[in-house]
Amino acid sequence: MRAKVTAAALAIGALTATSCVPDWAKRGEAPTVLLMTAINGGNTITSDVRLSNGNVCPDIATLRVENHGKNPQGPSTGFRGDMTIERYEVRYIRSDGRNTEGVDVPYRITGSLAQEIQEEGAATVSLEIVRRQAKLEPPLANLAGGGQAVVVTMFAEVTLWARSTILTTTNSVSARVQIDFADFNDTLTACPTQ
């Protein structure tokens, strides 16, 4: 009887121990984890679909990305813990559930990056979060001429994939930012410099 109770206690203890590990710590074999701690400084992006002279500008956002050890009490792994961000995706979402690309939301963006982040380090990455061509196609093109009275709010979900320097495993991280689209009244004739 005592052996059965001990075996049951060990099984429960093992289940409890594994359930306390957060999901991000289980991702990949790398000793570090990639975190996206801010997009656009935590602020909503205001996206003008047309300038006063009809020009179209992309929207650039800055991402703050950090690389931390999965075990904060453990020793630094040195070069093994460094990561290189290699690619990204931006996908658009509406809160009303209407999410057909090219009809309700712009088509997603995918692309390559090359940004190293050393272990226990951080980096700021600039990313084109809304491309010019998205503003020339539905649904954003439909906002042209509507003025500030017609605002469409969407969320951009940004996903980054990074490769561990020594190991060939990849880590990914996603975060969202709100974007308010409209044909805002402005006097600009050239795209803002970032």
N, C-alpha and C. Protein backbone atom coordinates (compact mmCIF):
# COMPACT_ATOMS: atom_id res chain seq x y z
N MET A 1 0.82 -1.19 0.00
CA MET A 1 0.00 0.00 0.00
C MET A 1 0.87 1.26 0.00
N ARG A 2 1.91 1.22 0.86
CA ARG A 2 2.81 2.37 0.96
C ARG A 2 3.50 2.63 -0.37
N ALA A 3 3.88 1.59 -1.10
CA ALA A 3 4.54 1.74 -2.40
C ALA A 3 3.61 2.41 -3.41
N LYS A 4 2.31 2.06 -3.38
CA LYS A 4 1.34 2.66 -4.29
C LYS A 4 1.17 4.15 -3.99
N VAL A 5 1.12 4.50 -2.70
CA VAL A 5 0.97 5.91 -2.31
C VAL A 5 2.20 6.70 -2.73
N THR A 6 3.39 6.12 -2.53
CA THR A 6 4.63 6.80 -2.92
C THR A 6 4.69 6.99 -4.43
N ALA A 7 4.29 5.97 -5.20
CA ALA A 7 4.30 6.08 -6.67
C ALA A 7 3.32 7.15 -7.13
N ALA A 8 2.14 7.21 -6.50
CA ALA A 8 1.14 8.22 -6.86
C ALA A 8 1.65 9.62 -6.52
N ALA A 9 2.29 9.76 -5.38
CA ALA A 9 2.83 11.07 -4.98
C ALA A 9 3.92 11.52 -5.95
N LEU A 10 4.78 10.59 -6.38
CA LEU A 10 5.83 10.93 -7.34
C LEU A 10 5.23 11.34 -8.68
N ALA A 11 4.21 10.64 -9.13
CA ALA A 11 3.56 10.98 -10.40
C ALA A 11 2.92 12.35 -10.35
N ILE A 12 2.24 12.65 -9.25
CA ILE A 12 1.62 13.97 -9.08
C ILE A 12 2.70 15.05 -9.01
N GLY A 13 3.78 14.77 -8.31
CA GLY A 13 4.88 15.74 -8.23
C GLY A 13 5.50 16.02 -9.58
N ALA A 14 5.66 14.97 -10.39
CA ALA A 14 6.23 15.15 -11.73
C ALA A 14 5.30 15.98 -12.61
N LEU A 15 4.01 15.72 -12.54
CA LEU A 15 3.05 16.50 -13.32
C LEU A 15 3.04 17.95 -12.88
N THR A 16 3.09 18.19 -11.59
CA THR A 16 3.09 19.56 -11.07
C THR A 16 4.35 20.30 -11.48
N ALA A 17 5.49 19.62 -11.43
CA ALA A 17 6.76 20.27 -11.79
C ALA A 17 6.78 20.69 -13.25
N THR A 18 6.26 19.85 -14.14
CA THR A 18 6.28 20.20 -15.55
C THR A 18 5.23 21.24 -15.90
N SER A 19 4.16 21.32 -15.14
CA SER A 19 3.12 22.30 -15.47
C SER A 19 3.48 23.71 -15.02
N CYS A 20 4.51 23.85 -14.22
CA CYS A 20 4.92 25.17 -13.75
C CYS A 20 5.88 25.87 -14.71
N VAL A 21 6.31 25.18 -15.74
CA VAL A 21 7.24 25.75 -16.71
C VAL A 21 6.44 26.52 -17.76
N PRO A 22 6.71 27.82 -17.93
CA PRO A 22 5.95 28.60 -18.92
C PRO A 22 6.24 28.11 -20.34
N ASP A 23 5.27 28.33 -21.23
CA ASP A 23 5.39 27.86 -22.63
C ASP A 23 6.64 28.40 -23.31
N TRP A 24 6.99 29.70 -23.08
CA TRP A 24 8.13 30.27 -23.78
C TRP A 24 9.43 29.58 -23.41
N ALA A 25 9.49 29.01 -22.20
CA ALA A 25 10.73 28.34 -21.77
C ALA A 25 10.88 26.97 -22.44
N LYS A 26 9.78 26.42 -22.95
CA LYS A 26 9.82 25.11 -23.59
C LYS A 26 10.11 25.21 -25.08
N ARG A 27 10.05 26.42 -25.66
CA ARG A 27 10.22 26.59 -27.11
C ARG A 27 11.67 26.40 -27.53
N GLY A 28 11.90 25.52 -28.48
CA GLY A 28 13.23 25.35 -29.05
C GLY A 28 14.23 24.75 -28.07
N GLU A 29 15.41 24.48 -28.57
CA GLU A 29 16.47 23.91 -27.75
C GLU A 29 17.48 24.96 -27.31
N ALA A 30 17.35 26.18 -27.80
CA ALA A 30 18.29 27.24 -27.46
C ALA A 30 18.18 27.58 -25.98
N PRO A 31 19.28 27.99 -25.36
CA PRO A 31 19.25 28.33 -23.93
C PRO A 31 18.63 29.71 -23.66
N THR A 32 18.31 30.43 -24.73
CA THR A 32 17.75 31.77 -24.56
C THR A 32 16.39 31.86 -25.23
N VAL A 33 15.66 32.91 -24.90
CA VAL A 33 14.34 33.13 -25.47
C VAL A 33 14.27 34.54 -26.04
N LEU A 34 13.60 34.67 -27.18
CA LEU A 34 13.43 35.95 -27.85
C LEU A 34 12.15 36.60 -27.36
N LEU A 35 12.22 37.87 -26.99
CA LEU A 35 11.05 38.62 -26.52
C LEU A 35 10.90 39.89 -27.33
N MET A 36 9.67 40.24 -27.70
CA MET A 36 9.39 41.53 -28.34
C MET A 36 8.69 42.37 -27.27
N THR A 37 9.39 43.36 -26.77
CA THR A 37 8.88 44.11 -25.62
C THR A 37 8.20 45.42 -25.99
N ALA A 38 8.26 45.85 -27.24
CA ALA A 38 7.53 47.06 -27.66
C ALA A 38 7.47 47.14 -29.17
N ILE A 39 6.33 47.65 -29.67
CA ILE A 39 6.18 48.03 -31.07
C ILE A 39 5.74 49.48 -31.06
N ASN A 40 6.48 50.32 -31.78
CA ASN A 40 6.16 51.75 -31.86
C ASN A 40 6.11 52.39 -30.48
N GLY A 41 6.96 51.94 -29.58
CA GLY A 41 7.00 52.50 -28.23
C GLY A 41 5.72 52.27 -27.44
N GLY A 42 4.92 51.29 -27.86
CA GLY A 42 3.66 51.02 -27.18
C GLY A 42 2.52 51.92 -27.62
N ASN A 43 2.76 52.75 -28.63
CA ASN A 43 1.74 53.70 -29.09
C ASN A 43 1.01 53.18 -30.32
N THR A 44 -0.25 53.62 -30.47
CA THR A 44 -1.03 53.32 -31.66
C THR A 44 -0.39 53.99 -32.87
N ILE A 45 -0.43 53.34 -34.01
CA ILE A 45 0.09 53.92 -35.25
C ILE A 45 -1.06 54.59 -36.00
N THR A 46 -0.86 55.84 -36.38
CA THR A 46 -1.83 56.57 -37.20
C THR A 46 -1.33 56.53 -38.63
N SER A 47 -2.09 55.87 -39.50
CA SER A 47 -1.65 55.65 -40.88
C SER A 47 -2.51 56.45 -41.85
N ASP A 48 -1.88 57.39 -42.54
CA ASP A 48 -2.55 58.21 -43.55
C ASP A 48 -2.46 57.49 -44.89
N VAL A 49 -3.62 57.18 -45.50
CA VAL A 49 -3.60 56.41 -46.75
C VAL A 49 -3.19 57.25 -47.95
N ARG A 50 -3.33 58.59 -47.88
CA ARG A 50 -2.92 59.50 -48.96
C ARG A 50 -2.43 60.80 -48.36
N LEU A 51 -1.36 61.35 -48.94
CA LEU A 51 -0.93 62.69 -48.57
C LEU A 51 -1.79 63.71 -49.31
N SER A 52 -1.61 64.99 -48.99
CA SER A 52 -2.43 66.03 -49.60
C SER A 52 -2.29 66.10 -51.12
N ASN A 53 -1.11 65.69 -51.63
CA ASN A 53 -0.89 65.72 -53.09
C ASN A 53 -1.14 64.35 -53.74
N GLY A 54 -1.69 63.40 -52.99
CA GLY A 54 -2.00 62.08 -53.54
C GLY A 54 -0.90 61.05 -53.39
N ASN A 55 0.28 61.47 -52.92
CA ASN A 55 1.37 60.51 -52.72
C ASN A 55 1.00 59.49 -51.66
N VAL A 56 1.65 58.35 -51.72
CA VAL A 56 1.42 57.26 -50.76
C VAL A 56 2.74 56.96 -50.07
N CYS A 57 2.70 56.84 -48.75
CA CYS A 57 3.91 56.59 -47.96
C CYS A 57 3.77 55.30 -47.16
N PRO A 58 4.87 54.59 -46.97
CA PRO A 58 4.82 53.42 -46.10
C PRO A 58 4.79 53.87 -44.64
N ASP A 59 4.40 52.98 -43.77
CA ASP A 59 4.47 53.24 -42.32
C ASP A 59 5.56 52.37 -41.73
N ILE A 60 6.49 53.01 -41.05
CA ILE A 60 7.62 52.31 -40.43
C ILE A 60 7.40 52.28 -38.93
N ALA A 61 7.63 51.13 -38.32
CA ALA A 61 7.52 51.01 -36.86
C ALA A 61 8.84 50.48 -36.32
N THR A 62 9.14 50.85 -35.10
CA THR A 62 10.33 50.31 -34.43
C THR A 62 9.88 49.21 -33.47
N LEU A 63 10.65 48.14 -33.46
CA LEU A 63 10.39 47.00 -32.57
C LEU A 63 11.55 46.92 -31.58
N ARG A 64 11.22 46.77 -30.32
CA ARG A 64 12.27 46.51 -29.32
C ARG A 64 12.27 45.01 -29.07
N VAL A 65 13.42 44.37 -29.32
CA VAL A 65 13.54 42.92 -29.18
C VAL A 65 14.65 42.62 -28.19
N GLU A 66 14.39 41.67 -27.29
CA GLU A 66 15.36 41.29 -26.26
C GLU A 66 15.65 39.80 -26.33
N ASN A 67 16.83 39.42 -25.87
CA ASN A 67 17.27 38.02 -25.85
C ASN A 67 17.72 37.70 -24.42
N HIS A 68 16.95 36.87 -23.74
CA HIS A 68 17.25 36.54 -22.33
C HIS A 68 17.38 35.04 -22.15
N GLY A 69 18.19 34.66 -21.15
CA GLY A 69 18.33 33.25 -20.81
C GLY A 69 17.03 32.69 -20.28
N LYS A 70 16.75 31.44 -20.63
CA LYS A 70 15.53 30.79 -20.13
C LYS A 70 15.61 30.59 -18.62
N ASN A 71 16.81 30.39 -18.11
CA ASN A 71 17.01 30.23 -16.68
C ASN A 71 17.69 31.49 -16.16
N PRO A 72 16.92 32.43 -15.55
CA PRO A 72 17.52 33.68 -15.10
C PRO A 72 18.56 33.50 -14.00
N GLN A 73 18.54 32.35 -13.32
CA GLN A 73 19.51 32.09 -12.26
C GLN A 73 20.76 31.39 -12.79
N GLY A 74 20.68 30.92 -14.04
CA GLY A 74 21.79 30.15 -14.60
C GLY A 74 22.91 31.05 -15.09
N PRO A 75 24.07 30.44 -15.38
CA PRO A 75 25.21 31.20 -15.89
C PRO A 75 24.98 31.61 -17.34
N SER A 76 25.69 32.63 -17.76
CA SER A 76 25.63 33.06 -19.16
C SER A 76 26.22 31.96 -20.04
N THR A 77 25.60 31.74 -21.19
CA THR A 77 26.10 30.72 -22.09
C THR A 77 27.05 31.30 -23.13
N GLY A 78 27.28 32.61 -23.06
CA GLY A 78 28.19 33.25 -23.99
C GLY A 78 27.65 33.26 -25.40
N PHE A 79 28.54 32.99 -26.34
CA PHE A 79 28.21 33.04 -27.76
C PHE A 79 27.05 32.10 -28.12
N ARG A 80 26.89 30.99 -27.38
CA ARG A 80 25.83 30.01 -27.67
C ARG A 80 24.45 30.64 -27.53
N GLY A 81 24.30 31.66 -26.70
CA GLY A 81 22.99 32.25 -26.46
C GLY A 81 22.63 33.38 -27.41
N ASP A 82 23.56 33.78 -28.28
CA ASP A 82 23.27 34.85 -29.24
C ASP A 82 22.27 34.36 -30.29
N MET A 83 21.46 35.28 -30.81
CA MET A 83 20.49 34.94 -31.84
C MET A 83 20.58 35.93 -32.99
N THR A 84 20.16 35.47 -34.16
CA THR A 84 20.07 36.33 -35.34
C THR A 84 18.65 36.26 -35.87
N ILE A 85 17.97 37.42 -35.91
CA ILE A 85 16.62 37.48 -36.50
C ILE A 85 16.79 37.36 -38.01
N GLU A 86 16.08 36.40 -38.60
CA GLU A 86 16.26 36.12 -40.03
C GLU A 86 15.05 36.47 -40.90
N ARG A 87 13.84 36.42 -40.33
CA ARG A 87 12.67 36.73 -41.15
C ARG A 87 11.53 37.25 -40.28
N TYR A 88 10.53 37.79 -40.95
CA TYR A 88 9.40 38.37 -40.24
C TYR A 88 8.13 38.21 -41.06
N GLU A 89 7.00 38.40 -40.38
CA GLU A 89 5.69 38.43 -41.04
C GLU A 89 4.83 39.46 -40.32
N VAL A 90 4.07 40.22 -41.10
CA VAL A 90 3.08 41.14 -40.54
C VAL A 90 1.73 40.73 -41.12
N ARG A 91 0.79 40.43 -40.24
CA ARG A 91 -0.54 40.02 -40.67
C ARG A 91 -1.53 40.94 -39.98
N TYR A 92 -2.61 41.28 -40.68
CA TYR A 92 -3.58 42.26 -40.19
C TYR A 92 -4.85 41.57 -39.72
N ILE A 93 -5.42 42.09 -38.65
CA ILE A 93 -6.59 41.50 -38.01
C ILE A 93 -7.57 42.61 -37.66
N ARG A 94 -8.85 42.33 -37.81
CA ARG A 94 -9.89 43.26 -37.35
C ARG A 94 -10.65 42.62 -36.20
N SER A 95 -11.08 43.43 -35.27
CA SER A 95 -11.77 42.89 -34.09
C SER A 95 -13.19 42.43 -34.40
N ASP A 96 -13.76 42.84 -35.54
CA ASP A 96 -15.12 42.41 -35.88
C ASP A 96 -15.15 41.05 -36.58
N GLY A 97 -13.99 40.41 -36.72
CA GLY A 97 -13.93 39.08 -37.31
C GLY A 97 -13.84 39.06 -38.82
N ARG A 98 -13.96 40.21 -39.47
CA ARG A 98 -13.86 40.27 -40.94
C ARG A 98 -12.38 40.39 -41.30
N ASN A 99 -11.79 39.28 -41.72
CA ASN A 99 -10.34 39.24 -41.90
C ASN A 99 -9.91 38.66 -43.24
N THR A 100 -10.73 38.79 -44.29
CA THR A 100 -10.34 38.30 -45.61
C THR A 100 -9.29 39.24 -46.21
N GLU A 101 -8.11 38.69 -46.52
CA GLU A 101 -7.03 39.51 -47.06
C GLU A 101 -7.41 40.05 -48.44
N GLY A 102 -7.12 41.33 -48.68
CA GLY A 102 -7.44 41.98 -49.95
C GLY A 102 -8.87 42.47 -50.03
N VAL A 103 -9.68 42.17 -49.03
CA VAL A 103 -11.07 42.63 -48.98
C VAL A 103 -11.31 43.41 -47.69
N ASP A 104 -11.06 42.77 -46.55
CA ASP A 104 -11.28 43.39 -45.24
C ASP A 104 -10.00 43.94 -44.63
N VAL A 105 -8.89 43.29 -44.92
CA VAL A 105 -7.58 43.69 -44.39
C VAL A 105 -6.55 43.60 -45.51
N PRO A 106 -5.43 44.32 -45.39
CA PRO A 106 -4.37 44.20 -46.41
C PRO A 106 -3.76 42.80 -46.40
N TYR A 107 -3.11 42.47 -47.53
CA TYR A 107 -2.39 41.21 -47.60
C TYR A 107 -1.23 41.22 -46.61
N ARG A 108 -0.93 40.06 -46.06
CA ARG A 108 0.19 39.97 -45.11
C ARG A 108 1.52 40.26 -45.80
N ILE A 109 2.49 40.65 -45.02
CA ILE A 109 3.83 40.96 -45.49
C ILE A 109 4.77 39.89 -44.93
N THR A 110 5.66 39.38 -45.75
CA THR A 110 6.73 38.51 -45.26
C THR A 110 8.04 39.03 -45.84
N GLY A 111 9.10 38.85 -45.10
CA GLY A 111 10.38 39.33 -45.59
C GLY A 111 11.54 38.82 -44.77
N SER A 112 12.72 39.17 -45.20
CA SER A 112 13.95 38.75 -44.53
C SER A 112 14.52 39.89 -43.71
N LEU A 113 15.22 39.53 -42.65
CA LEU A 113 15.93 40.48 -41.80
C LEU A 113 17.30 39.91 -41.49
N ALA A 114 18.17 40.74 -41.01
CA ALA A 114 19.47 40.28 -40.52
C ALA A 114 19.83 41.18 -39.34
N GLN A 115 19.51 40.71 -38.13
CA GLN A 115 19.78 41.50 -36.93
C GLN A 115 20.22 40.56 -35.82
N GLU A 116 21.45 40.73 -35.36
CA GLU A 116 21.95 39.91 -34.26
C GLU A 116 21.53 40.53 -32.93
N ILE A 117 21.19 39.67 -31.99
CA ILE A 117 20.92 40.12 -30.62
C ILE A 117 21.71 39.21 -29.70
N GLN A 118 22.67 39.79 -29.00
CA GLN A 118 23.50 39.00 -28.11
C GLN A 118 22.72 38.61 -26.86
N GLU A 119 23.17 37.53 -26.24
CA GLU A 119 22.51 37.06 -25.02
C GLU A 119 22.48 38.17 -23.96
N GLU A 120 21.33 38.32 -23.33
CA GLU A 120 21.06 39.36 -22.34
C GLU A 120 21.18 40.76 -22.95
N GLY A 121 21.00 40.84 -24.26
CA GLY A 121 21.05 42.12 -24.95
C GLY A 121 19.70 42.47 -25.56
N ALA A 122 19.64 43.66 -26.13
CA ALA A 122 18.42 44.14 -26.79
C ALA A 122 18.81 44.86 -28.07
N ALA A 123 17.84 44.97 -28.97
CA ALA A 123 18.06 45.68 -30.23
C ALA A 123 16.77 46.36 -30.64
N THR A 124 16.91 47.45 -31.38
CA THR A 124 15.76 48.12 -31.97
C THR A 124 15.80 47.85 -33.46
N VAL A 125 14.70 47.32 -33.98
CA VAL A 125 14.61 46.95 -35.38
C VAL A 125 13.53 47.81 -36.03
N SER A 126 13.86 48.45 -37.15
CA SER A 126 12.85 49.21 -37.91
C SER A 126 12.25 48.28 -38.96
N LEU A 127 10.93 48.33 -39.06
CA LEU A 127 10.22 47.42 -39.95
C LEU A 127 9.10 48.17 -40.66
N GLU A 128 8.97 47.92 -41.95
CA GLU A 128 7.88 48.50 -42.72
C GLU A 128 6.61 47.73 -42.35
N ILE A 129 5.77 48.33 -41.54
CA ILE A 129 4.59 47.64 -41.01
C ILE A 129 3.39 47.77 -41.92
N VAL A 130 3.36 48.82 -42.77
CA VAL A 130 2.34 48.97 -43.82
C VAL A 130 3.08 49.41 -45.07
N ARG A 131 3.03 48.61 -46.11
CA ARG A 131 3.72 48.94 -47.36
C ARG A 131 2.88 49.88 -48.22
N ARG A 132 3.55 50.59 -49.12
CA ARG A 132 2.86 51.49 -50.05
C ARG A 132 1.78 50.76 -50.84
N GLN A 133 2.13 49.60 -51.38
CA GLN A 133 1.17 48.90 -52.23
C GLN A 133 -0.10 48.51 -51.48
N ALA A 134 -0.03 48.33 -50.16
CA ALA A 134 -1.23 48.02 -49.38
C ALA A 134 -2.21 49.19 -49.41
N LYS A 135 -1.68 50.41 -49.53
CA LYS A 135 -2.53 51.60 -49.56
C LYS A 135 -3.10 51.86 -50.96
N LEU A 136 -2.60 51.13 -51.95
CA LEU A 136 -3.10 51.27 -53.31
C LEU A 136 -4.11 50.18 -53.67
N GLU A 137 -4.33 49.25 -52.74
CA GLU A 137 -5.25 48.14 -52.96
C GLU A 137 -6.36 48.17 -51.90
N PRO A 138 -7.50 47.52 -52.20
CA PRO A 138 -8.55 47.42 -51.17
C PRO A 138 -8.01 46.63 -49.98
N PRO A 139 -8.43 46.91 -48.80
CA PRO A 139 -9.49 47.86 -48.43
C PRO A 139 -8.99 49.28 -48.16
N LEU A 140 -7.65 49.46 -48.05
CA LEU A 140 -7.13 50.79 -47.69
C LEU A 140 -7.37 51.81 -48.80
N ALA A 141 -7.29 51.41 -50.06
CA ALA A 141 -7.53 52.34 -51.17
C ALA A 141 -8.95 52.89 -51.12
N ASN A 142 -9.87 52.12 -50.55
CA ASN A 142 -11.27 52.57 -50.44
C ASN A 142 -11.43 53.75 -49.49
N LEU A 143 -10.45 54.00 -48.64
CA LEU A 143 -10.52 55.10 -47.67
C LEU A 143 -10.11 56.44 -48.28
N ALA A 144 -9.44 56.41 -49.44
CA ALA A 144 -8.97 57.65 -50.07
C ALA A 144 -10.17 58.55 -50.39
N GLY A 145 -10.05 59.81 -49.99
CA GLY A 145 -11.11 60.79 -50.22
C GLY A 145 -12.17 60.79 -49.14
N GLY A 146 -12.07 59.89 -48.19
CA GLY A 146 -13.06 59.81 -47.11
C GLY A 146 -12.82 60.78 -45.97
N GLY A 147 -11.63 61.36 -45.95
CA GLY A 147 -11.30 62.30 -44.88
C GLY A 147 -11.20 61.60 -43.53
N GLN A 148 -11.10 62.41 -42.48
CA GLN A 148 -10.94 61.89 -41.13
C GLN A 148 -12.21 61.27 -40.58
N ALA A 149 -13.33 61.45 -41.27
CA ALA A 149 -14.59 60.90 -40.79
C ALA A 149 -14.66 59.39 -40.94
N VAL A 150 -13.85 58.82 -41.83
CA VAL A 150 -13.86 57.38 -42.06
C VAL A 150 -12.54 56.80 -41.56
N VAL A 151 -12.59 56.19 -40.39
CA VAL A 151 -11.40 55.59 -39.79
C VAL A 151 -11.65 54.10 -39.63
N VAL A 152 -10.68 53.30 -40.05
CA VAL A 152 -10.75 51.86 -39.87
C VAL A 152 -9.60 51.45 -38.96
N THR A 153 -9.94 50.74 -37.90
CA THR A 153 -8.93 50.28 -36.94
C THR A 153 -8.64 48.81 -37.18
N MET A 154 -7.35 48.51 -37.27
CA MET A 154 -6.88 47.12 -37.42
C MET A 154 -5.74 46.90 -36.44
N PHE A 155 -5.38 45.64 -36.31
CA PHE A 155 -4.24 45.27 -35.49
C PHE A 155 -3.24 44.56 -36.38
N ALA A 156 -2.00 44.96 -36.29
CA ALA A 156 -0.93 44.29 -37.03
C ALA A 156 -0.25 43.33 -36.07
N GLU A 157 -0.24 42.06 -36.44
CA GLU A 157 0.47 41.06 -35.65
C GLU A 157 1.82 40.83 -36.31
N VAL A 158 2.87 41.15 -35.59
CA VAL A 158 4.23 41.02 -36.10
C VAL A 158 4.85 39.76 -35.49
N THR A 159 5.37 38.89 -36.34
CA THR A 159 6.06 37.68 -35.88
C THR A 159 7.48 37.71 -36.40
N LEU A 160 8.43 37.45 -35.52
CA LEU A 160 9.85 37.38 -35.88
C LEU A 160 10.35 35.96 -35.65
N TRP A 161 11.22 35.50 -36.54
CA TRP A 161 11.88 34.22 -36.37
C TRP A 161 13.38 34.47 -36.27
N ALA A 162 14.01 33.86 -35.28
CA ALA A 162 15.45 34.02 -35.07
C ALA A 162 16.11 32.66 -34.94
N ARG A 163 17.36 32.62 -35.37
CA ARG A 163 18.16 31.39 -35.29
C ARG A 163 19.21 31.56 -34.22
N SER A 164 19.36 30.53 -33.41
CA SER A 164 20.43 30.51 -32.41
C SER A 164 21.77 30.46 -33.13
N THR A 165 22.77 31.14 -32.61
CA THR A 165 24.06 31.24 -33.29
C THR A 165 24.74 29.89 -33.44
N ILE A 166 24.79 29.10 -32.39
CA ILE A 166 25.48 27.81 -32.44
C ILE A 166 24.53 26.69 -32.83
N LEU A 167 23.40 26.62 -32.17
CA LEU A 167 22.42 25.58 -32.48
C LEU A 167 21.65 25.98 -33.72
N THR A 168 21.10 25.05 -34.41
CA THR A 168 20.34 25.37 -35.61
C THR A 168 18.85 25.48 -35.31
N THR A 169 18.49 25.66 -34.05
CA THR A 169 17.08 25.78 -33.70
C THR A 169 16.62 27.22 -33.92
N THR A 170 15.32 27.38 -34.11
CA THR A 170 14.76 28.71 -34.29
C THR A 170 13.82 29.03 -33.14
N ASN A 171 13.73 30.30 -32.86
CA ASN A 171 12.79 30.83 -31.88
C ASN A 171 11.88 31.80 -32.61
N SER A 172 10.66 31.93 -32.16
CA SER A 172 9.77 32.92 -32.75
C SER A 172 9.08 33.68 -31.64
N VAL A 173 8.65 34.89 -31.98
CA VAL A 173 7.93 35.72 -31.02
C VAL A 173 6.94 36.58 -31.80
N SER A 174 5.77 36.82 -31.22
CA SER A 174 4.74 37.64 -31.87
C SER A 174 4.23 38.69 -30.91
N ALA A 175 3.82 39.81 -31.47
CA ALA A 175 3.19 40.88 -30.69
C ALA A 175 2.29 41.67 -31.64
N ARG A 176 1.34 42.42 -31.07
CA ARG A 176 0.39 43.18 -31.88
C ARG A 176 0.43 44.66 -31.55
N VAL A 177 0.08 45.47 -32.56
CA VAL A 177 -0.02 46.91 -32.39
C VAL A 177 -1.27 47.38 -33.13
N GLN A 178 -1.93 48.39 -32.57
CA GLN A 178 -3.13 48.95 -33.20
C GLN A 178 -2.73 49.97 -34.26
N ILE A 179 -3.44 49.92 -35.41
CA ILE A 179 -3.23 50.90 -36.48
C ILE A 179 -4.58 51.51 -36.84
N ASP A 180 -4.65 52.85 -36.82
CA ASP A 180 -5.85 53.57 -37.25
C ASP A 180 -5.60 54.12 -38.65
N PHE A 181 -6.35 53.63 -39.65
CA PHE A 181 -6.21 54.04 -41.04
C PHE A 181 -7.29 55.05 -41.40
N ALA A 182 -6.90 56.11 -42.12
CA ALA A 182 -7.86 57.09 -42.66
C ALA A 182 -7.13 57.95 -43.67
N ASP A 183 -7.89 58.76 -44.41
CA ASP A 183 -7.31 59.76 -45.30
C ASP A 183 -7.31 61.06 -44.50
N PHE A 184 -6.33 61.19 -43.63
CA PHE A 184 -6.26 62.32 -42.70
C PHE A 184 -5.98 63.62 -43.45
N ASN A 185 -6.53 64.71 -42.95
CA ASN A 185 -6.24 66.04 -43.52
C ASN A 185 -4.81 66.40 -43.16
N ASP A 186 -4.01 66.70 -44.14
CA ASP A 186 -2.63 67.07 -43.90
C ASP A 186 -2.16 68.02 -44.99
N THR A 187 -0.97 68.56 -44.77
CA THR A 187 -0.37 69.45 -45.77
C THR A 187 0.94 68.86 -46.29
N LEU A 188 1.19 67.59 -45.99
CA LEU A 188 2.43 66.95 -46.40
C LEU A 188 2.43 66.69 -47.90
N THR A 189 3.61 66.86 -48.51
CA THR A 189 3.76 66.53 -49.92
C THR A 189 4.86 65.49 -50.14
N ALA A 190 5.55 65.14 -49.05
CA ALA A 190 6.60 64.12 -49.12
C ALA A 190 6.48 63.23 -47.90
N CYS A 191 6.95 62.00 -48.04
CA CYS A 191 6.88 61.04 -46.94
C CYS A 191 7.76 61.51 -45.78
N PRO A 192 7.27 61.35 -44.54
CA PRO A 192 8.08 61.70 -43.38
C PRO A 192 9.34 60.83 -43.33
N THR A 193 10.44 61.39 -42.88
CA THR A 193 11.67 60.62 -42.72
C THR A 193 11.64 59.96 -41.35
N GLN A 194 12.17 58.77 -41.32
CA GLN A 194 12.15 58.02 -40.06
C GLN A 194 13.46 58.21 -39.32
